[in-house]
Amino acid sequence: MKTMKKTVVAALCGAALVVSSVMCTVAYLTAQDHVTNTFTVGRVAITLDEAAVAPDGTYVTDESNRVQTNEYHLLPGHSYTKDPVIHVDAASENCWLFVQIANDIAAIESPAAQSIDAQMSRLGWSKVDGAEQVYAYQQIANAGQDIPVFESFSIAAAVDQDTLAGYQGKQILVNAYAIQSEGFTTASEAWAAGGFGA
């Protein structure tokens, strides 16, 4: 009986050894992967400048010499270079552009065909409804793009000396604004959302 027990125990031990050997060789098919998200932050960036000119409106050097301030000596019938340009930064998001123009000399400008308003219309700008003296560029401006606002102004030949004297110290002030184009289908929609006029 002892022999039989030993035989059964030995058989069970052998079976356990075989089972554990089989269990140890069982392998599962596995795989692993991951996703890494890296976020960058968008920005809109513009600058506004114009060619440096002498008081008579002629270039100091050439149109590549850019400044943010010029002074003019006004004379009847004379035309002056004033070419504000908005430069959209190369790293900027595409954007809608706007300018607000306080033109103190509009009443003595040359006829309408040469006026600042006429030039802006030709260059793709139009007035924003309900916003005083605000114009929107009617296309989305792309990163790295330069957008001219207007090119010059002219004083009407019929302006007399007394009238001209009343414009001493007056200005043409141009302010530029930009808002991302993403999320807006029109310039007017972007202007309303931008909060610039608030």
C-alpha atoms as a PDB file:
ATOM      1  CA  MET A   1       0.000   0.000   0.000  1.00  0.00           C
ATOM      2  CA  LYS A   2       2.896   2.217   0.813  1.00  0.00           C
ATOM      3  CA  THR A   3       4.325   1.483  -2.576  1.00  0.00           C
ATOM      4  CA  MET A   4       1.057   2.362  -4.220  1.00  0.00           C
ATOM      5  CA  LYS A   5       0.877   5.613  -2.314  1.00  0.00           C
ATOM      6  CA  LYS A   6       4.419   6.403  -3.341  1.00  0.00           C
ATOM      7  CA  THR A   7       3.583   5.614  -6.928  1.00  0.00           C
ATOM      8  CA  VAL A   8       0.470   7.806  -6.862  1.00  0.00           C
ATOM      9  CA  VAL A   9       2.376  10.640  -5.161  1.00  0.00           C
ATOM     10  CA  ALA A  10       5.197  10.286  -7.672  1.00  0.00           C
ATOM     11  CA  ALA A  11       2.696  10.319 -10.559  1.00  0.00           C
ATOM     12  CA  LEU A  12       0.958  13.380  -9.164  1.00  0.00           C
ATOM     13  CA  CYS A  13       4.266  15.162  -8.684  1.00  0.00           C
ATOM     14  CA  GLY A  14       5.253  14.319 -12.231  1.00  0.00           C
ATOM     15  CA  ALA A  15       1.929  15.578 -13.537  1.00  0.00           C
ATOM     16  CA  ALA A  16       2.281  18.785 -11.512  1.00  0.00           C
ATOM     17  CA  LEU A  17       5.773  19.255 -12.926  1.00  0.00           C
ATOM     18  CA  VAL A  18       4.496  18.808 -16.499  1.00  0.00           C
ATOM     19  CA  VAL A  19       1.586  21.228 -15.886  1.00  0.00           C
ATOM     20  CA  SER A  20       3.854  23.860 -14.342  1.00  0.00           C
ATOM     21  CA  SER A  21       6.316  23.496 -17.248  1.00  0.00           C
ATOM     22  CA  VAL A  22       3.507  24.000 -19.737  1.00  0.00           C
ATOM     23  CA  MET A  23       2.144  26.939 -17.751  1.00  0.00           C
ATOM     24  CA  CYS A  24       5.549  28.601 -17.692  1.00  0.00           C
ATOM     25  CA  THR A  25       5.882  28.388 -21.471  1.00  0.00           C
ATOM     26  CA  VAL A  26       2.460  29.946 -22.188  1.00  0.00           C
ATOM     27  CA  ALA A  27       2.907  33.474 -23.675  1.00  0.00           C
ATOM     28  CA  TYR A  28       0.325  36.155 -24.410  1.00  0.00           C
ATOM     29  CA  LEU A  29       0.416  38.438 -27.437  1.00  0.00           C
ATOM     30  CA  THR A  30       0.703  42.033 -26.187  1.00  0.00           C
ATOM     31  CA  ALA A  31       1.316  45.479 -27.631  1.00  0.00           C
ATOM     32  CA  GLN A  32       1.735  48.963 -26.228  1.00  0.00           C
ATOM     33  CA  ASP A  33       1.584  52.430 -27.749  1.00  0.00           C
ATOM     34  CA  HIS A  34       0.918  56.012 -26.672  1.00  0.00           C
ATOM     35  CA  VAL A  35      -0.021  59.420 -28.044  1.00  0.00           C
ATOM     36  CA  THR A  36       1.773  62.584 -27.033  1.00  0.00           C
ATOM     37  CA  ASN A  37       0.039  65.931 -27.562  1.00  0.00           C
ATOM     38  CA  THR A  38       2.172  69.034 -27.855  1.00  0.00           C
ATOM     39  CA  PHE A  39       0.352  72.353 -27.832  1.00  0.00           C
ATOM     40  CA  THR A  40       1.509  75.668 -29.234  1.00  0.00           C
ATOM     41  CA  VAL A  41      -0.341  78.930 -28.756  1.00  0.00           C
ATOM     42  CA  GLY A  42      -1.485  81.011 -31.703  1.00  0.00           C
ATOM     43  CA  ARG A  43      -1.096  84.783 -31.829  1.00  0.00           C
ATOM     44  CA  VAL A  44      -1.981  87.655 -34.075  1.00  0.00           C
ATOM     45  CA  ALA A  45       0.750  90.245 -34.616  1.00  0.00           C
ATOM     46  CA  ILE A  46       0.842  93.310 -36.882  1.00  0.00           C
ATOM     47  CA  THR A  47       2.848  96.502 -37.264  1.00  0.00           C
ATOM     48  CA  LEU A  48       1.907  99.723 -39.043  1.00  0.00           C
ATOM     49  CA  ASP A  49       4.334 102.112 -40.683  1.00  0.00           C
ATOM     50  CA  GLU A  50       4.752 104.498 -43.624  1.00  0.00           C
ATOM     51  CA  ALA A  51       7.592 105.764 -45.784  1.00  0.00           C
ATOM     52  CA  ALA A  52       9.776 108.474 -44.274  1.00  0.00           C
ATOM     53  CA  VAL A  53       9.087 111.688 -46.188  1.00  0.00           C
ATOM     54  CA  ALA A  54      10.256 115.281 -46.133  1.00  0.00           C
ATOM     55  CA  PRO A  55       7.702 118.027 -45.285  1.00  0.00           C
ATOM     56  CA  ASP A  56       6.952 118.407 -49.021  1.00  0.00           C
ATOM     57  CA  GLY A  57       5.848 114.740 -49.148  1.00  0.00           C
ATOM     58  CA  THR A  58       8.828 113.387 -51.107  1.00  0.00           C
ATOM     59  CA  TYR A  59      10.801 110.350 -49.941  1.00  0.00           C
ATOM     60  CA  VAL A  60      13.706 111.045 -47.591  1.00  0.00           C
ATOM     61  CA  THR A  61      15.559 108.150 -49.239  1.00  0.00           C
ATOM     62  CA  ASP A  62      13.107 105.683 -50.770  1.00  0.00           C
ATOM     63  CA  GLU A  63       9.942 103.847 -49.827  1.00  0.00           C
ATOM     64  CA  SER A  64      11.866 101.169 -47.900  1.00  0.00           C
ATOM     65  CA  ASN A  65      12.807 103.670 -45.180  1.00  0.00           C
ATOM     66  CA  ARG A  66       9.790 103.199 -42.866  1.00  0.00           C
ATOM     67  CA  VAL A  67       8.691 105.292 -39.881  1.00  0.00           C
ATOM     68  CA  GLN A  68       5.624 105.829 -37.732  1.00  0.00           C
ATOM     69  CA  THR A  69       5.560 109.632 -37.801  1.00  0.00           C
ATOM     70  CA  ASN A  70       5.914 112.263 -40.546  1.00  0.00           C
ATOM     71  CA  GLU A  71       5.366 116.017 -40.645  1.00  0.00           C
ATOM     72  CA  TYR A  72       3.947 117.827 -43.685  1.00  0.00           C
ATOM     73  CA  HIS A  73       3.996 121.425 -44.929  1.00  0.00           C
ATOM     74  CA  LEU A  74       0.595 121.949 -46.586  1.00  0.00           C
ATOM     75  CA  LEU A  75       0.221 123.910 -49.829  1.00  0.00           C
ATOM     76  CA  PRO A  76      -2.813 124.290 -52.126  1.00  0.00           C
ATOM     77  CA  GLY A  77      -2.758 121.922 -55.102  1.00  0.00           C
ATOM     78  CA  HIS A  78       0.116 119.852 -53.732  1.00  0.00           C
ATOM     79  CA  SER A  79       0.222 116.041 -53.376  1.00  0.00           C
ATOM     80  CA  TYR A  80       2.059 114.227 -50.592  1.00  0.00           C
ATOM     81  CA  THR A  81       3.243 110.664 -50.188  1.00  0.00           C
ATOM     82  CA  LYS A  82       1.578 109.053 -47.198  1.00  0.00           C
ATOM     83  CA  ASP A  83       1.472 105.273 -47.588  1.00  0.00           C
ATOM     84  CA  PRO A  84       0.540 103.490 -44.361  1.00  0.00           C
ATOM     85  CA  VAL A  85       1.077  99.739 -44.665  1.00  0.00           C
ATOM     86  CA  ILE A  86       0.036  97.008 -42.246  1.00  0.00           C
ATOM     87  CA  HIS A  87       2.621  94.244 -41.983  1.00  0.00           C
ATOM     88  CA  VAL A  88       1.269  90.896 -40.748  1.00  0.00           C
ATOM     89  CA  ASP A  89       4.028  89.126 -38.839  1.00  0.00           C
ATOM     90  CA  ALA A  90       5.396  85.966 -40.461  1.00  0.00           C
ATOM     91  CA  ALA A  91       4.523  83.988 -37.312  1.00  0.00           C
ATOM     92  CA  SER A  92       1.021  85.468 -36.989  1.00  0.00           C
ATOM     93  CA  GLU A  93      -2.228  83.664 -37.529  1.00  0.00           C
ATOM     94  CA  ASN A  94      -4.180  84.733 -40.608  1.00  0.00           C
ATOM     95  CA  CYS A  95      -6.402  87.629 -39.650  1.00  0.00           C
ATOM     96  CA  TRP A  96      -9.003  90.224 -40.514  1.00  0.00           C
ATOM     97  CA  LEU A  97      -7.548  93.754 -40.639  1.00  0.00           C
ATOM     98  CA  PHE A  98      -9.130  97.066 -39.733  1.00  0.00           C
ATOM     99  CA  VAL A  99      -8.061 100.699 -39.678  1.00  0.00           C
ATOM    100  CA  GLN A 100      -9.629 103.647 -37.940  1.00  0.00           C
ATOM    101  CA  ILE A 101      -8.755 106.907 -39.628  1.00  0.00           C
ATOM    102  CA  ALA A 102      -9.158 110.335 -38.102  1.00  0.00           C
ATOM    103  CA  ASN A 103      -8.643 112.529 -41.180  1.00  0.00           C
ATOM    104  CA  ASP A 104      -8.619 116.140 -39.945  1.00  0.00           C
ATOM    105  CA  ILE A 105      -7.956 117.479 -43.450  1.00  0.00           C
ATOM    106  CA  ALA A 106     -10.715 115.649 -45.358  1.00  0.00           C
ATOM    107  CA  ALA A 107     -12.536 118.945 -46.039  1.00  0.00           C
ATOM    108  CA  ILE A 108      -9.588 120.389 -47.987  1.00  0.00           C
ATOM    109  CA  GLU A 109      -8.567 117.266 -49.895  1.00  0.00           C
ATOM    110  CA  SER A 110      -8.553 117.181 -53.695  1.00  0.00           C
ATOM    111  CA  PRO A 111     -11.649 115.924 -55.539  1.00  0.00           C
ATOM    112  CA  ALA A 112     -13.164 112.558 -54.580  1.00  0.00           C
ATOM    113  CA  ALA A 113     -11.337 110.528 -57.256  1.00  0.00           C
ATOM    114  CA  GLN A 114      -8.019 111.195 -55.501  1.00  0.00           C
ATOM    115  CA  SER A 115      -9.290 111.207 -51.911  1.00  0.00           C
ATOM    116  CA  ILE A 116      -8.088 108.832 -49.232  1.00  0.00           C
ATOM    117  CA  ASP A 117     -11.529 107.140 -49.262  1.00  0.00           C
ATOM    118  CA  ALA A 118     -11.278 106.528 -53.031  1.00  0.00           C
ATOM    119  CA  GLN A 119      -7.781 105.062 -52.710  1.00  0.00           C
ATOM    120  CA  MET A 120      -8.856 102.770 -49.884  1.00  0.00           C
ATOM    121  CA  SER A 121     -11.804 101.497 -51.886  1.00  0.00           C
ATOM    122  CA  ARG A 122      -9.488 100.703 -54.802  1.00  0.00           C
ATOM    123  CA  LEU A 123      -7.093  98.858 -52.448  1.00  0.00           C
ATOM    124  CA  GLY A 124      -9.814  96.600 -51.016  1.00  0.00           C
ATOM    125  CA  TRP A 125     -11.013  98.502 -47.929  1.00  0.00           C
ATOM    126  CA  SER A 126     -14.613  99.369 -47.112  1.00  0.00           C
ATOM    127  CA  LYS A 127     -16.366 101.113 -44.244  1.00  0.00           C
ATOM    128  CA  VAL A 128     -17.648  98.998 -41.369  1.00  0.00           C
ATOM    129  CA  ASP A 129     -21.346  99.652 -40.773  1.00  0.00           C
ATOM    130  CA  GLY A 130     -22.029 101.282 -37.435  1.00  0.00           C
ATOM    131  CA  ALA A 131     -18.365 101.988 -36.672  1.00  0.00           C
ATOM    132  CA  GLU A 132     -17.172 105.563 -37.013  1.00  0.00           C
ATOM    133  CA  GLN A 133     -14.273 106.036 -39.436  1.00  0.00           C
ATOM    134  CA  VAL A 134     -13.480 102.291 -39.370  1.00  0.00           C
ATOM    135  CA  TYR A 135     -12.561 100.416 -42.530  1.00  0.00           C
ATOM    136  CA  ALA A 136     -12.173  96.666 -42.980  1.00  0.00           C
ATOM    137  CA  TYR A 137      -9.900  94.925 -45.430  1.00  0.00           C
ATOM    138  CA  GLN A 138     -12.249  92.693 -47.419  1.00  0.00           C
ATOM    139  CA  GLN A 139      -9.935  89.688 -47.644  1.00  0.00           C
ATOM    140  CA  ILE A 140      -8.256  87.602 -44.981  1.00  0.00           C
ATOM    141  CA  ALA A 141      -4.670  88.771 -44.504  1.00  0.00           C
ATOM    142  CA  ASN A 142      -2.130  85.968 -44.433  1.00  0.00           C
ATOM    143  CA  ALA A 143       0.945  85.629 -42.261  1.00  0.00           C
ATOM    144  CA  GLY A 144       3.831  87.606 -43.755  1.00  0.00           C
ATOM    145  CA  GLN A 145       1.590  89.743 -45.966  1.00  0.00           C
ATOM    146  CA  ASP A 146       1.918  93.539 -46.359  1.00  0.00           C
ATOM    147  CA  ILE A 147      -1.392  95.354 -46.847  1.00  0.00           C
ATOM    148  CA  PRO A 148      -1.367  98.982 -48.067  1.00  0.00           C
ATOM    149  CA  VAL A 149      -4.036 101.242 -46.570  1.00  0.00           C
ATOM    150  CA  PHE A 150      -3.715 104.210 -48.941  1.00  0.00           C
ATOM    151  CA  GLU A 151      -0.884 105.887 -50.862  1.00  0.00           C
ATOM    152  CA  SER A 152      -1.080 109.666 -50.679  1.00  0.00           C
ATOM    153  CA  PHE A 153      -3.177 112.718 -50.031  1.00  0.00           C
ATOM    154  CA  SER A 154      -3.628 115.920 -52.027  1.00  0.00           C
ATOM    155  CA  ILE A 155      -4.737 119.395 -51.035  1.00  0.00           C
ATOM    156  CA  ALA A 156      -7.341 120.982 -53.302  1.00  0.00           C
ATOM    157  CA  ALA A 157      -6.000 123.790 -55.484  1.00  0.00           C
ATOM    158  CA  ALA A 158      -8.930 126.032 -54.566  1.00  0.00           C
ATOM    159  CA  VAL A 159      -8.007 126.196 -50.864  1.00  0.00           C
ATOM    160  CA  ASP A 160      -7.007 129.750 -49.933  1.00  0.00           C
ATOM    161  CA  GLN A 161      -4.362 130.819 -47.456  1.00  0.00           C
ATOM    162  CA  ASP A 162      -6.817 131.769 -44.691  1.00  0.00           C
ATOM    163  CA  THR A 163      -8.580 128.397 -44.912  1.00  0.00           C
ATOM    164  CA  LEU A 164      -5.278 126.548 -44.972  1.00  0.00           C
ATOM    165  CA  ALA A 165      -4.120 128.422 -41.860  1.00  0.00           C
ATOM    166  CA  GLY A 166      -7.002 126.840 -39.941  1.00  0.00           C
ATOM    167  CA  TYR A 167      -5.448 123.417 -40.520  1.00  0.00           C
ATOM    168  CA  GLN A 168      -2.206 124.199 -38.704  1.00  0.00           C
ATOM    169  CA  GLY A 169      -1.417 121.232 -36.399  1.00  0.00           C
ATOM    170  CA  LYS A 170      -4.138 118.974 -37.857  1.00  0.00           C
ATOM    171  CA  GLN A 171      -3.417 115.306 -38.501  1.00  0.00           C
ATOM    172  CA  ILE A 172      -4.285 112.183 -40.415  1.00  0.00           C
ATOM    173  CA  LEU A 173      -4.190 109.576 -37.660  1.00  0.00           C
ATOM    174  CA  VAL A 174      -4.298 105.895 -38.650  1.00  0.00           C
ATOM    175  CA  ASN A 175      -4.818 103.116 -36.090  1.00  0.00           C
ATOM    176  CA  ALA A 176      -4.608  99.473 -37.177  1.00  0.00           C
ATOM    177  CA  TYR A 177      -6.319  96.462 -35.611  1.00  0.00           C
ATOM    178  CA  ALA A 178      -6.320  92.736 -36.310  1.00  0.00           C
ATOM    179  CA  ILE A 179      -8.289  89.735 -35.125  1.00  0.00           C
ATOM    180  CA  GLN A 180      -7.833  86.087 -36.025  1.00  0.00           C
ATOM    181  CA  SER A 181      -9.739  84.980 -39.105  1.00  0.00           C
ATOM    182  CA  GLU A 182     -10.519  81.560 -37.636  1.00  0.00           C
ATOM    183  CA  GLY A 183     -14.146  81.475 -36.529  1.00  0.00           C
ATOM    184  CA  PHE A 184     -15.328  84.503 -38.521  1.00  0.00           C
ATOM    185  CA  THR A 185     -16.763  84.443 -42.025  1.00  0.00           C
ATOM    186  CA  THR A 186     -16.808  88.211 -42.566  1.00  0.00           C
ATOM    187  CA  ALA A 187     -14.767  91.202 -41.475  1.00  0.00           C
ATOM    188  CA  SER A 188     -17.828  92.867 -39.932  1.00  0.00           C
ATOM    189  CA  GLU A 189     -18.489  89.806 -37.793  1.00  0.00           C
ATOM    190  CA  ALA A 190     -14.865  89.838 -36.615  1.00  0.00           C
ATOM    191  CA  TRP A 191     -14.978  93.577 -35.807  1.00  0.00           C
ATOM    192  CA  ALA A 192     -18.120  93.112 -33.715  1.00  0.00           C
ATOM    193  CA  ALA A 193     -16.518  90.270 -31.754  1.00  0.00           C
ATOM    194  CA  GLY A 194     -13.149  91.975 -31.327  1.00  0.00           C
ATOM    195  CA  GLY A 195     -14.355  94.589 -28.869  1.00  0.00           C
ATOM    196  CA  PHE A 196     -12.180  97.289 -30.449  1.00  0.00           C
ATOM    197  CA  GLY A 197     -14.936  99.879 -30.555  1.00  0.00           C
ATOM    198  CA  ALA A 198     -15.930  99.342 -26.915  1.00  0.00           C
END
